[in-house]
Amino acid sequence: VIGSLLYQRIVAILGSRLTFLSSMVALGILSIGS
């Protein structure tokens, strides 16, 4: 829920491509940390 609410502002600032890149990187790092 938090991520979907943040999405609209993130995609407006970073654009669709960098949003994809940052979300995939975040998932990888968080998974390793988990």
PDB file of all heavy atoms in Angstrom:
ATOM      1  N   VAL A   1       0.845  -1.201   0.000  1.00  0.00           N
ATOM      2  CA  VAL A   1       0.000   0.000   0.000  1.00  0.00           C
ATOM      3  C   VAL A   1       0.878   1.248   0.000  1.00  0.00           C
ATOM      4  O   VAL A   1       0.657   2.189  -0.767  1.00  0.00           O
ATOM      5  CB  VAL A   1      -0.939   0.014   1.221  1.00  0.00           C
ATOM      6  CG1 VAL A   1      -1.821   1.251   1.187  1.00  0.00           C
ATOM      7  CG2 VAL A   1      -1.787  -1.250   1.258  1.00  0.00           C
ATOM      8  N   ILE A   2       1.887   1.251   0.867  1.00  0.00           N
ATOM      9  CA  ILE A   2       2.808   2.392   0.954  1.00  0.00           C
ATOM     10  C   ILE A   2       3.507   2.588  -0.397  1.00  0.00           C
ATOM     11  O   ILE A   2       3.611   3.707  -0.910  1.00  0.00           O
ATOM     12  CB  ILE A   2       3.843   2.174   2.066  1.00  0.00           C
ATOM     13  CG1 ILE A   2       3.147   1.996   3.414  1.00  0.00           C
ATOM     14  CG2 ILE A   2       4.825   3.341   2.129  1.00  0.00           C
ATOM     15  CD1 ILE A   2       4.084   1.562   4.534  1.00  0.00           C
ATOM     16  N   GLY A   3       3.987   1.482  -0.970  1.00  0.00           N
ATOM     17  CA  GLY A   3       4.697   1.567  -2.248  1.00  0.00           C
ATOM     18  C   GLY A   3       3.826   2.110  -3.365  1.00  0.00           C
ATOM     19  O   GLY A   3       4.274   2.928  -4.184  1.00  0.00           O
ATOM     20  N   SER A   4       2.561   1.680  -3.405  1.00  0.00           N
ATOM     21  CA  SER A   4       1.674   2.149  -4.471  1.00  0.00           C
ATOM     22  C   SER A   4       1.348   3.624  -4.323  1.00  0.00           C
ATOM     23  O   SER A   4       1.172   4.334  -5.318  1.00  0.00           O
ATOM     24  CB  SER A   4       0.387   1.314  -4.490  1.00  0.00           C
ATOM     25  OG  SER A   4      -0.360   1.509  -3.296  1.00  0.00           O
ATOM     26  N   LEU A   5       1.255   4.103  -3.077  1.00  0.00           N
ATOM     27  CA  LEU A   5       0.999   5.526  -2.850  1.00  0.00           C
ATOM     28  C   LEU A   5       2.222   6.372  -3.203  1.00  0.00           C
ATOM     29  O   LEU A   5       2.104   7.478  -3.715  1.00  0.00           O
ATOM     30  CB  LEU A   5       0.592   5.764  -1.396  1.00  0.00           C
ATOM     31  CG  LEU A   5      -0.775   5.182  -0.983  1.00  0.00           C
ATOM     32  CD1 LEU A   5      -0.977   5.315   0.515  1.00  0.00           C
ATOM     33  CD2 LEU A   5      -1.905   5.884  -1.741  1.00  0.00           C
ATOM     34  N   LEU A   6       3.416   5.834  -2.925  1.00  0.00           N
ATOM     35  CA  LEU A   6       4.647   6.540  -3.271  1.00  0.00           C
ATOM     36  C   LEU A   6       4.894   6.534  -4.783  1.00  0.00           C
ATOM     37  O   LEU A   6       5.553   7.435  -5.317  1.00  0.00           O
ATOM     38  CB  LEU A   6       5.843   5.885  -2.575  1.00  0.00           C
ATOM     39  CG  LEU A   6       5.930   6.029  -1.048  1.00  0.00           C
ATOM     40  CD1 LEU A   6       7.096   5.195  -0.528  1.00  0.00           C
ATOM     41  CD2 LEU A   6       6.105   7.494  -0.662  1.00  0.00           C
ATOM     42  N   TYR A   7       4.371   5.532  -5.449  1.00  0.00           N
ATOM     43  CA  TYR A   7       4.669   5.322  -6.860  1.00  0.00           C
ATOM     44  C   TYR A   7       4.374   6.546  -7.719  1.00  0.00           C
ATOM     45  O   TYR A   7       5.193   6.937  -8.560  1.00  0.00           O
ATOM     46  CB  TYR A   7       3.895   4.113  -7.389  1.00  0.00           C
ATOM     47  CG  TYR A   7       3.851   4.047  -8.897  1.00  0.00           C
ATOM     48  CD1 TYR A   7       4.985   3.713  -9.625  1.00  0.00           C
ATOM     49  CD2 TYR A   7       2.678   4.364  -9.588  1.00  0.00           C
ATOM     50  CE1 TYR A   7       4.959   3.668 -11.009  1.00  0.00           C
ATOM     51  CE2 TYR A   7       2.646   4.323 -10.967  1.00  0.00           C
ATOM     52  CZ  TYR A   7       3.789   3.980 -11.684  1.00  0.00           C
ATOM     53  OH  TYR A   7       3.756   3.955 -13.041  1.00  0.00           O
ATOM     54  N   GLN A   8       3.196   7.147  -7.529  1.00  0.00           N
ATOM     55  CA  GLN A   8       2.812   8.250  -8.402  1.00  0.00           C
ATOM     56  C   GLN A   8       3.835   9.386  -8.363  1.00  0.00           C
ATOM     57  O   GLN A   8       4.177   9.977  -9.389  1.00  0.00           O
ATOM     58  CB  GLN A   8       1.428   8.772  -8.020  1.00  0.00           C
ATOM     59  CG  GLN A   8       0.324   7.774  -8.329  1.00  0.00           C
ATOM     60  CD  GLN A   8      -1.063   8.379  -8.189  1.00  0.00           C
ATOM     61  OE1 GLN A   8      -1.223   9.590  -8.155  1.00  0.00           O
ATOM     62  NE2 GLN A   8      -2.073   7.534  -8.101  1.00  0.00           N
ATOM     63  N   ARG A   9       4.334   9.704  -7.180  1.00  0.00           N
ATOM     64  CA  ARG A   9       5.327  10.779  -7.075  1.00  0.00           C
ATOM     65  C   ARG A   9       6.685  10.310  -7.599  1.00  0.00           C
ATOM     66  O   ARG A   9       7.398  11.071  -8.273  1.00  0.00           O
ATOM     67  CB  ARG A   9       5.442  11.239  -5.618  1.00  0.00           C
ATOM     68  CG  ARG A   9       6.429  12.392  -5.421  1.00  0.00           C
ATOM     69  CD  ARG A   9       6.203  13.080  -4.101  1.00  0.00           C
ATOM     70  NE  ARG A   9       4.919  13.759  -4.080  1.00  0.00           N
ATOM     71  CZ  ARG A   9       4.711  14.984  -4.560  1.00  0.00           C
ATOM     72  NH1 ARG A   9       5.699  15.645  -5.127  1.00  0.00           N
ATOM     73  NH2 ARG A   9       3.525  15.537  -4.490  1.00  0.00           N
ATOM     74  N   ILE A  10       7.060   9.065  -7.296  1.00  0.00           N
ATOM     75  CA  ILE A  10       8.362   8.558  -7.742  1.00  0.00           C
ATOM     76  C   ILE A  10       8.446   8.521  -9.260  1.00  0.00           C
ATOM     77  O   ILE A  10       9.435   8.958  -9.864  1.00  0.00           O
ATOM     78  CB  ILE A  10       8.629   7.162  -7.142  1.00  0.00           C
ATOM     79  CG1 ILE A  10       8.861   7.268  -5.637  1.00  0.00           C
ATOM     80  CG2 ILE A  10       9.821   6.499  -7.821  1.00  0.00           C
ATOM     81  CD1 ILE A  10       8.964   5.935  -4.941  1.00  0.00           C
ATOM     82  N   VAL A  11       7.394   7.996  -9.910  1.00  0.00           N
ATOM     83  CA  VAL A  11       7.431   7.882 -11.364  1.00  0.00           C
ATOM     84  C   VAL A  11       7.380   9.260 -12.014  1.00  0.00           C
ATOM     85  O   VAL A  11       7.933   9.469 -13.109  1.00  0.00           O
ATOM     86  CB  VAL A  11       6.288   6.970 -11.877  1.00  0.00           C
ATOM     87  CG1 VAL A  11       4.944   7.677 -11.813  1.00  0.00           C
ATOM     88  CG2 VAL A  11       6.576   6.490 -13.297  1.00  0.00           C
ATOM     89  N   ALA A  12       6.741  10.227 -11.359  1.00  0.00           N
ATOM     90  CA  ALA A  12       6.706  11.589 -11.893  1.00  0.00           C
ATOM     91  C   ALA A  12       8.081  12.251 -11.816  1.00  0.00           C
ATOM     92  O   ALA A  12       8.453  13.028 -12.694  1.00  0.00           O
ATOM     93  CB  ALA A  12       5.677  12.424 -11.132  1.00  0.00           C
ATOM     94  N   ILE A  13       8.832  11.933 -10.772  1.00  0.00           N
ATOM     95  CA  ILE A  13      10.161  12.546 -10.585  1.00  0.00           C
ATOM     96  C   ILE A  13      11.245  11.804 -11.371  1.00  0.00           C
ATOM     97  O   ILE A  13      12.061  12.414 -12.066  1.00  0.00           O
ATOM     98  CB  ILE A  13      10.524  12.572  -9.089  1.00  0.00           C
ATOM     99  CG1 ILE A  13       9.544  13.481  -8.330  1.00  0.00           C
ATOM    100  CG2 ILE A  13      11.956  13.058  -8.886  1.00  0.00           C
ATOM    101  CD1 ILE A  13       9.714  13.434  -6.825  1.00  0.00           C
ATOM    102  N   LEU A  14      11.257  10.469 -11.260  1.00  0.00           N
ATOM    103  CA  LEU A  14      12.320   9.679 -11.874  1.00  0.00           C
ATOM    104  C   LEU A  14      12.016   9.263 -13.312  1.00  0.00           C
ATOM    105  O   LEU A  14      12.934   8.993 -14.092  1.00  0.00           O
ATOM    106  CB  LEU A  14      12.578   8.413 -11.045  1.00  0.00           C
ATOM    107  CG  LEU A  14      13.066   8.594  -9.609  1.00  0.00           C
ATOM    108  CD1 LEU A  14      13.293   7.237  -8.965  1.00  0.00           C
ATOM    109  CD2 LEU A  14      14.341   9.430  -9.572  1.00  0.00           C
ATOM    110  N   GLY A  15      10.729   9.191 -13.641  1.00  0.00           N
ATOM    111  CA  GLY A  15      10.362   8.638 -14.935  1.00  0.00           C
ATOM    112  C   GLY A  15      10.169   7.136 -14.836  1.00  0.00           C
ATOM    113  O   GLY A  15      10.613   6.497 -13.874  1.00  0.00           O
ATOM    114  N   SER A  16       9.536   6.546 -15.821  1.00  0.00           N
ATOM    115  CA  SER A  16       9.182   5.129 -15.757  1.00  0.00           C
ATOM    116  C   SER A  16      10.407   4.218 -15.758  1.00  0.00           C
ATOM    117  O   SER A  16      10.453   3.215 -15.034  1.00  0.00           O
ATOM    118  CB  SER A  16       8.254   4.764 -16.913  1.00  0.00           C
ATOM    119  OG  SER A  16       8.826   5.152 -18.156  1.00  0.00           O
ATOM    120  N   ARG A  17      11.435   4.558 -16.545  1.00  0.00           N
ATOM    121  CA  ARG A  17      12.596   3.673 -16.655  1.00  0.00           C
ATOM    122  C   ARG A  17      13.404   3.607 -15.356  1.00  0.00           C
ATOM    123  O   ARG A  17      13.776   2.525 -14.893  1.00  0.00           O
ATOM    124  CB  ARG A  17      13.475   4.121 -17.818  1.00  0.00           C
ATOM    125  CG  ARG A  17      12.851   3.834 -19.173  1.00  0.00           C
ATOM    126  CD  ARG A  17      13.724   4.264 -20.337  1.00  0.00           C
ATOM    127  NE  ARG A  17      13.164   3.793 -21.597  1.00  0.00           N
ATOM    128  CZ  ARG A  17      13.662   4.070 -22.793  1.00  0.00           C
ATOM    129  NH1 ARG A  17      14.753   4.842 -22.890  1.00  0.00           N
ATOM    130  NH2 ARG A  17      13.101   3.601 -23.877  1.00  0.00           N
ATOM    131  N   LEU A  18      13.678   4.769 -14.764  1.00  0.00           N
ATOM    132  CA  LEU A  18      14.448   4.774 -13.512  1.00  0.00           C
ATOM    133  C   LEU A  18      13.628   4.209 -12.355  1.00  0.00           C
ATOM    134  O   LEU A  18      14.191   3.668 -11.401  1.00  0.00           O
ATOM    135  CB  LEU A  18      14.927   6.181 -13.191  1.00  0.00           C
ATOM    136  CG  LEU A  18      16.039   6.732 -14.087  1.00  0.00           C
ATOM    137  CD1 LEU A  18      16.443   8.134 -13.651  1.00  0.00           C
ATOM    138  CD2 LEU A  18      17.253   5.798 -14.081  1.00  0.00           C
ATOM    139  N   THR A  19      12.308   4.314 -12.440  1.00  0.00           N
ATOM    140  CA  THR A  19      11.458   3.704 -11.416  1.00  0.00           C
ATOM    141  C   THR A  19      11.581   2.188 -11.465  1.00  0.00           C
ATOM    142  O   THR A  19      11.685   1.518 -10.433  1.00  0.00           O
ATOM    143  CB  THR A  19       9.988   4.121 -11.615  1.00  0.00           C
ATOM    144  OG1 THR A  19       9.881   5.535 -11.496  1.00  0.00           O
ATOM    145  CG2 THR A  19       9.092   3.458 -10.575  1.00  0.00           C
ATOM    146  N   PHE A  20      11.586   1.635 -12.675  1.00  0.00           N
ATOM    147  CA  PHE A  20      11.791   0.196 -12.840  1.00  0.00           C
ATOM    148  C   PHE A  20      13.159  -0.202 -12.288  1.00  0.00           C
ATOM    149  O   PHE A  20      13.281  -1.165 -11.514  1.00  0.00           O
ATOM    150  CB  PHE A  20      11.696  -0.171 -14.321  1.00  0.00           C
ATOM    151  CG  PHE A  20      11.981  -1.616 -14.632  1.00  0.00           C
ATOM    152  CD1 PHE A  20      10.968  -2.564 -14.606  1.00  0.00           C
ATOM    153  CD2 PHE A  20      13.275  -2.041 -14.939  1.00  0.00           C
ATOM    154  CE1 PHE A  20      11.237  -3.906 -14.888  1.00  0.00           C
ATOM    155  CE2 PHE A  20      13.544  -3.371 -15.221  1.00  0.00           C
ATOM    156  CZ  PHE A  20      12.521  -4.303 -15.197  1.00  0.00           C
ATOM    157  N   LEU A  21      14.185   0.530 -12.675  1.00  0.00           N
ATOM    158  CA  LEU A  21      15.544   0.217 -12.240  1.00  0.00           C
ATOM    159  C   LEU A  21      15.658   0.256 -10.717  1.00  0.00           C
ATOM    160  O   LEU A  21      16.174  -0.689 -10.107  1.00  0.00           O
ATOM    161  CB  LEU A  21      16.519   1.229 -12.859  1.00  0.00           C
ATOM    162  CG  LEU A  21      17.984   1.159 -12.392  1.00  0.00           C
ATOM    163  CD1 LEU A  21      18.612  -0.160 -12.790  1.00  0.00           C
ATOM    164  CD2 LEU A  21      18.775   2.338 -12.965  1.00  0.00           C
ATOM    165  N   SER A  22      15.177   1.311 -10.092  1.00  0.00           N
ATOM    166  CA  SER A  22      15.329   1.460  -8.644  1.00  0.00           C
ATOM    167  C   SER A  22      14.519   0.420  -7.876  1.00  0.00           C
ATOM    168  O   SER A  22      14.980  -0.092  -6.843  1.00  0.00           O
ATOM    169  CB  SER A  22      14.919   2.873  -8.208  1.00  0.00           C
ATOM    170  OG  SER A  22      13.573   3.145  -8.560  1.00  0.00           O
ATOM    171  N   SER A  23      13.344   0.066  -8.364  1.00  0.00           N
ATOM    172  CA  SER A  23      12.530  -0.924  -7.654  1.00  0.00           C
ATOM    173  C   SER A  23      13.151  -2.315  -7.730  1.00  0.00           C
ATOM    174  O   SER A  23      13.150  -3.066  -6.744  1.00  0.00           O
ATOM    175  CB  SER A  23      11.100  -0.950  -8.204  1.00  0.00           C
ATOM    176  OG  SER A  23      11.073  -1.341  -9.566  1.00  0.00           O
ATOM    177  N   MET A  24      13.735  -2.666  -8.889  1.00  0.00           N
ATOM    178  CA  MET A  24      14.388  -3.960  -9.019  1.00  0.00           C
ATOM    179  C   MET A  24      15.642  -4.047  -8.144  1.00  0.00           C
ATOM    180  O   MET A  24      15.906  -5.069  -7.501  1.00  0.00           O
ATOM    181  CB  MET A  24      14.750  -4.229 -10.481  1.00  0.00           C
ATOM    182  CG  MET A  24      13.572  -4.471 -11.418  1.00  0.00           C
ATOM    183  SD  MET A  24      12.658  -6.005 -11.070  1.00  0.00           S
ATOM    184  CE  MET A  24      11.252  -5.333 -10.177  1.00  0.00           C
ATOM    185  N   VAL A  25      16.415  -2.963  -8.111  1.00  0.00           N
ATOM    186  CA  VAL A  25      17.609  -2.927  -7.270  1.00  0.00           C
ATOM    187  C   VAL A  25      17.228  -3.021  -5.798  1.00  0.00           C
ATOM    188  O   VAL A  25      17.841  -3.761  -5.018  1.00  0.00           O
ATOM    189  CB  VAL A  25      18.426  -1.648  -7.536  1.00  0.00           C
ATOM    190  CG1 VAL A  25      19.542  -1.489  -6.504  1.00  0.00           C
ATOM    191  CG2 VAL A  25      19.019  -1.684  -8.940  1.00  0.00           C
ATOM    192  N   ALA A  26      16.199  -2.290  -5.403  1.00  0.00           N
ATOM    193  CA  ALA A  26      15.744  -2.316  -4.009  1.00  0.00           C
ATOM    194  C   ALA A  26      15.294  -3.716  -3.602  1.00  0.00           C
ATOM    195  O   ALA A  26      15.622  -4.197  -2.508  1.00  0.00           O
ATOM    196  CB  ALA A  26      14.619  -1.311  -3.801  1.00  0.00           C
ATOM    197  N   LEU A  27      14.560  -4.393  -4.485  1.00  0.00           N
ATOM    198  CA  LEU A  27      14.100  -5.752  -4.175  1.00  0.00           C
ATOM    199  C   LEU A  27      15.279  -6.699  -3.977  1.00  0.00           C
ATOM    200  O   LEU A  27      15.265  -7.539  -3.063  1.00  0.00           O
ATOM    201  CB  LEU A  27      13.197  -6.270  -5.296  1.00  0.00           C
ATOM    202  CG  LEU A  27      11.763  -5.723  -5.304  1.00  0.00           C
ATOM    203  CD1 LEU A  27      11.074  -6.040  -6.627  1.00  0.00           C
ATOM    204  CD2 LEU A  27      10.957  -6.309  -4.137  1.00  0.00           C
ATOM    205  N   GLY A  28      16.294  -6.572  -4.816  1.00  0.00           N
ATOM    206  CA  GLY A  28      17.465  -7.431  -4.688  1.00  0.00           C
ATOM    207  C   GLY A  28      18.215  -7.199  -3.394  1.00  0.00           C
ATOM    208  O   GLY A  28      18.572  -8.147  -2.679  1.00  0.00           O
ATOM    209  N   ILE A  29      18.446  -5.935  -3.054  1.00  0.00           N
ATOM    210  CA  ILE A  29      19.185  -5.611  -1.829  1.00  0.00           C
ATOM    211  C   ILE A  29      18.405  -6.026  -0.590  1.00  0.00           C
ATOM    212  O   ILE A  29      18.967  -6.598   0.362  1.00  0.00           O
ATOM    213  CB  ILE A  29      19.495  -4.101  -1.793  1.00  0.00           C
ATOM    214  CG1 ILE A  29      20.479  -3.741  -2.911  1.00  0.00           C
ATOM    215  CG2 ILE A  29      20.062  -3.700  -0.436  1.00  0.00           C
ATOM    216  CD1 ILE A  29      20.723  -2.257  -3.064  1.00  0.00           C
ATOM    217  N   LEU A  30      17.101  -5.762  -0.575  1.00  0.00           N
ATOM    218  CA  LEU A  30      16.267  -6.123   0.581  1.00  0.00           C
ATOM    219  C   LEU A  30      16.180  -7.633   0.751  1.00  0.00           C
ATOM    220  O   LEU A  30      16.126  -8.142   1.869  1.00  0.00           O
ATOM    221  CB  LEU A  30      14.873  -5.525   0.423  1.00  0.00           C
ATOM    222  CG  LEU A  30      14.778  -4.007   0.588  1.00  0.00           C
ATOM    223  CD1 LEU A  30      13.412  -3.509   0.130  1.00  0.00           C
ATOM    224  CD2 LEU A  30      15.031  -3.613   2.042  1.00  0.00           C
ATOM    225  N   SER A  31      16.147  -8.347  -0.364  1.00  0.00           N
ATOM    226  CA  SER A  31      16.095  -9.802  -0.288  1.00  0.00           C
ATOM    227  C   SER A  31      17.376 -10.356   0.326  1.00  0.00           C
ATOM    228  O   SER A  31      17.335 -11.263   1.174  1.00  0.00           O
ATOM    229  CB  SER A  31      15.881 -10.394  -1.683  1.00  0.00           C
ATOM    230  OG  SER A  31      15.671 -11.787  -1.619  1.00  0.00           O
ATOM    231  N   ILE A  32      18.506  -9.818  -0.084  1.00  0.00           N
ATOM    232  CA  ILE A  32      19.785 -10.239   0.508  1.00  0.00           C
ATOM    233  C   ILE A  32      19.804  -9.937   1.998  1.00  0.00           C
ATOM    234  O   ILE A  32      20.204 -10.761   2.821  1.00  0.00           O
ATOM    235  CB  ILE A  32      20.953  -9.533  -0.205  1.00  0.00           C
ATOM    236  CG1 ILE A  32      21.063 -10.017  -1.654  1.00  0.00           C
ATOM    237  CG2 ILE A  32      22.265  -9.795   0.532  1.00  0.00           C
ATOM    238  CD1 ILE A  32      22.047  -9.214  -2.490  1.00  0.00           C
ATOM    239  N   GLY A  33      19.328  -8.740   2.360  1.00  0.00           N
ATOM    240  CA  GLY A  33      19.297  -8.364   3.769  1.00  0.00           C
ATOM    241  C   GLY A  33      18.349  -9.209   4.590  1.00  0.00           C
ATOM    242  O   GLY A  33      18.510  -9.338   5.819  1.00  0.00           O
ATOM    243  N   SER A  34      17.349  -9.818   3.929  1.00  0.00           N
ATOM    244  CA  SER A  34      16.353 -10.621   4.648  1.00  0.00           C
ATOM    245  C   SER A  34      16.826 -12.033   4.968  1.00  0.00           C
ATOM    246  O   SER A  34      16.073 -12.821   5.548  1.00  0.00           O
ATOM    247  CB  SER A  34      15.067 -10.704   3.817  1.00  0.00           C
ATOM    248  OG  SER A  34      14.504  -9.429   3.621  1.00  0.00           O
TER     249      SER A  34
END
